[in-house]
Amino acid sequence: MNIKTLGLPVALAACVALAGCSTPTVVTLHNGTQYLTRDMPKTRTKDGFFEFEDISGAKVKVRADDVATIRKED
C-alpha cells in the first residue's frame, strides 16, 4: 500500500472520532426561542453573555439573563 491509499482511511477515521466528541445542546431563551448547538456553550462571559455557534455555523451571543435553560439534546 502506498501512502495515498493509507492516508484516506486514517483521515476518515480521525474525522469520525472527533465528531463523536461533540455534545449537541439546546439553549432555550425566556421568549421561547431555541438554539441547537454543536457543543456546550461557553460559560457566561465577563460582560454577561453566552457565546456559542449554532448548528448552521452562525455565531450567537445572547444575554445570560435571557437564557432559561441549557440542556443536552436527547
N, C-alpha and C. Protein backbone atom coordinates (compact mmCIF):
# COMPACT_ATOMS: atom_id res chain seq x y z
N MET A 1 0.83 -1.19 0.00
CA MET A 1 0.00 0.00 0.00
C MET A 1 0.87 1.24 0.00
N ASN A 2 0.46 2.20 -0.79
CA ASN A 2 1.22 3.44 -0.77
C ASN A 2 0.58 4.42 0.21
N ILE A 3 1.21 5.54 0.42
CA ILE A 3 0.79 6.50 1.45
C ILE A 3 -0.57 7.12 1.14
N LYS A 4 -0.90 7.32 -0.14
CA LYS A 4 -2.19 7.91 -0.51
C LYS A 4 -3.33 6.95 -0.19
N THR A 5 -3.12 5.69 -0.43
CA THR A 5 -4.16 4.70 -0.16
C THR A 5 -4.40 4.54 1.34
N LEU A 6 -3.37 4.66 2.11
CA LEU A 6 -3.48 4.52 3.55
C LEU A 6 -3.97 5.81 4.21
N GLY A 7 -3.65 6.95 3.64
CA GLY A 7 -3.98 8.23 4.24
C GLY A 7 -5.47 8.52 4.30
N LEU A 8 -6.23 8.15 3.28
CA LEU A 8 -7.65 8.44 3.25
C LEU A 8 -8.41 7.72 4.37
N PRO A 9 -8.23 6.43 4.57
CA PRO A 9 -8.94 5.78 5.69
C PRO A 9 -8.54 6.33 7.06
N VAL A 10 -7.29 6.68 7.23
CA VAL A 10 -6.84 7.24 8.51
C VAL A 10 -7.49 8.60 8.75
N ALA A 11 -7.55 9.44 7.73
CA ALA A 11 -8.19 10.75 7.87
C ALA A 11 -9.68 10.60 8.14
N LEU A 12 -10.33 9.67 7.48
CA LEU A 12 -11.76 9.44 7.70
C LEU A 12 -12.03 8.95 9.12
N ALA A 13 -11.20 8.06 9.63
CA ALA A 13 -11.36 7.56 11.00
C ALA A 13 -11.16 8.69 12.01
N ALA A 14 -10.22 9.59 11.76
CA ALA A 14 -9.99 10.71 12.66
C ALA A 14 -11.20 11.65 12.69
N CYS A 15 -11.80 11.90 11.55
CA CYS A 15 -12.99 12.77 11.49
C CYS A 15 -14.16 12.15 12.23
N VAL A 16 -14.35 10.85 12.08
CA VAL A 16 -15.44 10.17 12.77
C VAL A 16 -15.21 10.21 14.28
N ALA A 17 -13.99 10.02 14.72
CA ALA A 17 -13.68 10.05 16.15
C ALA A 17 -13.93 11.44 16.74
N LEU A 18 -13.57 12.49 16.02
CA LEU A 18 -13.78 13.85 16.50
C LEU A 18 -15.26 14.21 16.52
N ALA A 19 -16.01 13.72 15.57
CA ALA A 19 -17.44 14.02 15.53
C ALA A 19 -18.16 13.42 16.72
N GLY A 20 -17.69 12.33 17.23
CA GLY A 20 -18.31 11.69 18.38
C GLY A 20 -18.07 12.43 19.68
N CYS A 21 -17.17 13.39 19.71
CA CYS A 21 -16.84 14.12 20.94
C CYS A 21 -17.77 15.29 21.22
N SER A 22 -18.54 15.73 20.25
CA SER A 22 -19.39 16.88 20.47
C SER A 22 -20.64 16.48 21.26
N THR A 23 -21.21 17.45 21.95
CA THR A 23 -22.41 17.23 22.76
C THR A 23 -23.47 18.20 22.28
N PRO A 24 -24.38 17.76 21.39
CA PRO A 24 -25.44 18.66 20.93
C PRO A 24 -26.24 19.19 22.12
N THR A 25 -26.49 20.49 22.12
CA THR A 25 -27.13 21.15 23.25
C THR A 25 -28.24 22.07 22.75
N VAL A 26 -29.31 22.17 23.54
CA VAL A 26 -30.41 23.08 23.23
C VAL A 26 -30.37 24.23 24.22
N VAL A 27 -30.28 25.46 23.70
CA VAL A 27 -30.31 26.66 24.52
C VAL A 27 -31.68 27.29 24.33
N THR A 28 -32.45 27.40 25.40
CA THR A 28 -33.80 27.96 25.33
C THR A 28 -33.81 29.32 26.04
N LEU A 29 -34.37 30.32 25.35
CA LEU A 29 -34.49 31.65 25.93
C LEU A 29 -35.85 31.81 26.59
N HIS A 30 -36.00 32.83 27.41
CA HIS A 30 -37.26 33.08 28.11
C HIS A 30 -38.40 33.37 27.13
N ASN A 31 -38.10 33.90 25.95
CA ASN A 31 -39.16 34.20 24.98
C ASN A 31 -39.55 32.99 24.13
N GLY A 32 -38.94 31.81 24.41
CA GLY A 32 -39.28 30.58 23.70
C GLY A 32 -38.36 30.23 22.56
N THR A 33 -37.48 31.13 22.16
CA THR A 33 -36.54 30.85 21.10
C THR A 33 -35.58 29.75 21.53
N GLN A 34 -35.35 28.79 20.63
CA GLN A 34 -34.42 27.71 20.93
C GLN A 34 -33.31 27.69 19.90
N TYR A 35 -32.10 27.45 20.37
CA TYR A 35 -30.93 27.30 19.51
C TYR A 35 -30.37 25.90 19.72
N LEU A 36 -30.12 25.19 18.64
CA LEU A 36 -29.46 23.90 18.71
C LEU A 36 -27.99 24.12 18.40
N THR A 37 -27.13 23.74 19.34
CA THR A 37 -25.70 23.98 19.17
C THR A 37 -24.97 22.66 18.97
N ARG A 38 -23.78 22.74 18.42
CA ARG A 38 -22.96 21.54 18.22
C ARG A 38 -22.33 21.07 19.51
N ASP A 39 -22.08 21.99 20.40
CA ASP A 39 -21.39 21.66 21.64
C ASP A 39 -21.90 22.57 22.76
N MET A 40 -21.56 22.25 23.98
CA MET A 40 -22.00 23.04 25.13
C MET A 40 -21.47 24.47 24.99
N PRO A 41 -22.34 25.48 25.18
CA PRO A 41 -21.89 26.87 25.07
C PRO A 41 -20.84 27.22 26.13
N LYS A 42 -20.04 28.21 25.79
CA LYS A 42 -19.07 28.71 26.77
C LYS A 42 -19.83 29.26 27.97
N THR A 43 -19.19 29.24 29.09
CA THR A 43 -19.84 29.78 30.28
C THR A 43 -20.02 31.29 30.12
N ARG A 44 -20.72 31.85 31.03
CA ARG A 44 -21.03 33.28 30.98
C ARG A 44 -19.74 34.09 30.89
N THR A 45 -19.70 35.03 29.97
CA THR A 45 -18.53 35.89 29.80
C THR A 45 -18.55 36.99 30.85
N LYS A 46 -17.47 37.72 30.95
CA LYS A 46 -17.37 38.81 31.93
C LYS A 46 -18.42 39.89 31.71
N ASP A 47 -18.82 40.07 30.44
CA ASP A 47 -19.82 41.11 30.16
C ASP A 47 -21.25 40.59 30.25
N GLY A 48 -21.46 39.35 30.74
CA GLY A 48 -22.80 38.84 30.99
C GLY A 48 -23.50 38.21 29.80
N PHE A 49 -22.75 37.63 28.88
CA PHE A 49 -23.33 36.99 27.70
C PHE A 49 -22.88 35.53 27.61
N PHE A 50 -23.70 34.71 26.92
CA PHE A 50 -23.29 33.37 26.49
C PHE A 50 -22.95 33.48 25.02
N GLU A 51 -21.85 32.84 24.62
CA GLU A 51 -21.45 32.83 23.22
C GLU A 51 -21.37 31.39 22.76
N PHE A 52 -21.96 31.10 21.58
CA PHE A 52 -21.91 29.75 21.04
C PHE A 52 -22.14 29.81 19.54
N GLU A 53 -21.95 28.66 18.90
CA GLU A 53 -22.16 28.53 17.46
C GLU A 53 -23.32 27.56 17.27
N ASP A 54 -24.34 27.97 16.49
CA ASP A 54 -25.46 27.06 16.27
C ASP A 54 -25.10 26.03 15.21
N ILE A 55 -26.02 25.10 14.92
CA ILE A 55 -25.67 24.00 14.01
C ILE A 55 -25.45 24.45 12.58
N SER A 56 -25.93 25.64 12.22
CA SER A 56 -25.69 26.15 10.87
C SER A 56 -24.34 26.86 10.76
N GLY A 57 -23.66 27.02 11.91
CA GLY A 57 -22.35 27.66 11.91
C GLY A 57 -22.38 29.13 12.26
N ALA A 58 -23.57 29.67 12.52
CA ALA A 58 -23.68 31.09 12.87
C ALA A 58 -23.26 31.33 14.32
N LYS A 59 -22.51 32.39 14.54
CA LYS A 59 -22.11 32.78 15.89
C LYS A 59 -23.29 33.47 16.57
N VAL A 60 -23.60 33.05 17.79
CA VAL A 60 -24.72 33.61 18.53
C VAL A 60 -24.21 34.11 19.87
N LYS A 61 -24.67 35.30 20.25
CA LYS A 61 -24.31 35.88 21.54
C LYS A 61 -25.60 36.39 22.17
N VAL A 62 -25.97 35.81 23.32
CA VAL A 62 -27.20 36.20 23.99
C VAL A 62 -26.91 36.59 25.43
N ARG A 63 -27.72 37.51 25.94
CA ARG A 63 -27.56 37.93 27.34
C ARG A 63 -27.85 36.74 28.25
N ALA A 64 -27.07 36.57 29.27
CA ALA A 64 -27.25 35.46 30.20
C ALA A 64 -28.60 35.56 30.90
N ASP A 65 -29.10 36.77 31.13
CA ASP A 65 -30.40 36.96 31.76
C ASP A 65 -31.55 36.47 30.89
N ASP A 66 -31.35 36.38 29.57
CA ASP A 66 -32.38 35.93 28.65
C ASP A 66 -32.44 34.41 28.52
N VAL A 67 -31.44 33.70 29.03
CA VAL A 67 -31.37 32.24 28.88
C VAL A 67 -32.18 31.57 29.99
N ALA A 68 -33.15 30.74 29.57
CA ALA A 68 -33.97 29.99 30.54
C ALA A 68 -33.29 28.68 30.90
N THR A 69 -32.89 27.89 29.89
CA THR A 69 -32.26 26.59 30.15
C THR A 69 -31.18 26.30 29.11
N ILE A 70 -30.23 25.49 29.52
CA ILE A 70 -29.22 24.92 28.64
C ILE A 70 -29.17 23.44 28.97
N ARG A 71 -29.54 22.59 28.00
CA ARG A 71 -29.58 21.16 28.29
C ARG A 71 -29.05 20.36 27.10
N LYS A 72 -28.54 19.18 27.39
CA LYS A 72 -28.09 18.28 26.33
C LYS A 72 -29.30 17.82 25.53
N GLU A 73 -29.09 17.70 24.22
CA GLU A 73 -30.18 17.22 23.36
C GLU A 73 -30.40 15.74 23.60
N ASP A 74 -31.66 15.33 23.57
CA ASP A 74 -32.00 13.92 23.78
C ASP A 74 -31.72 13.10 22.55
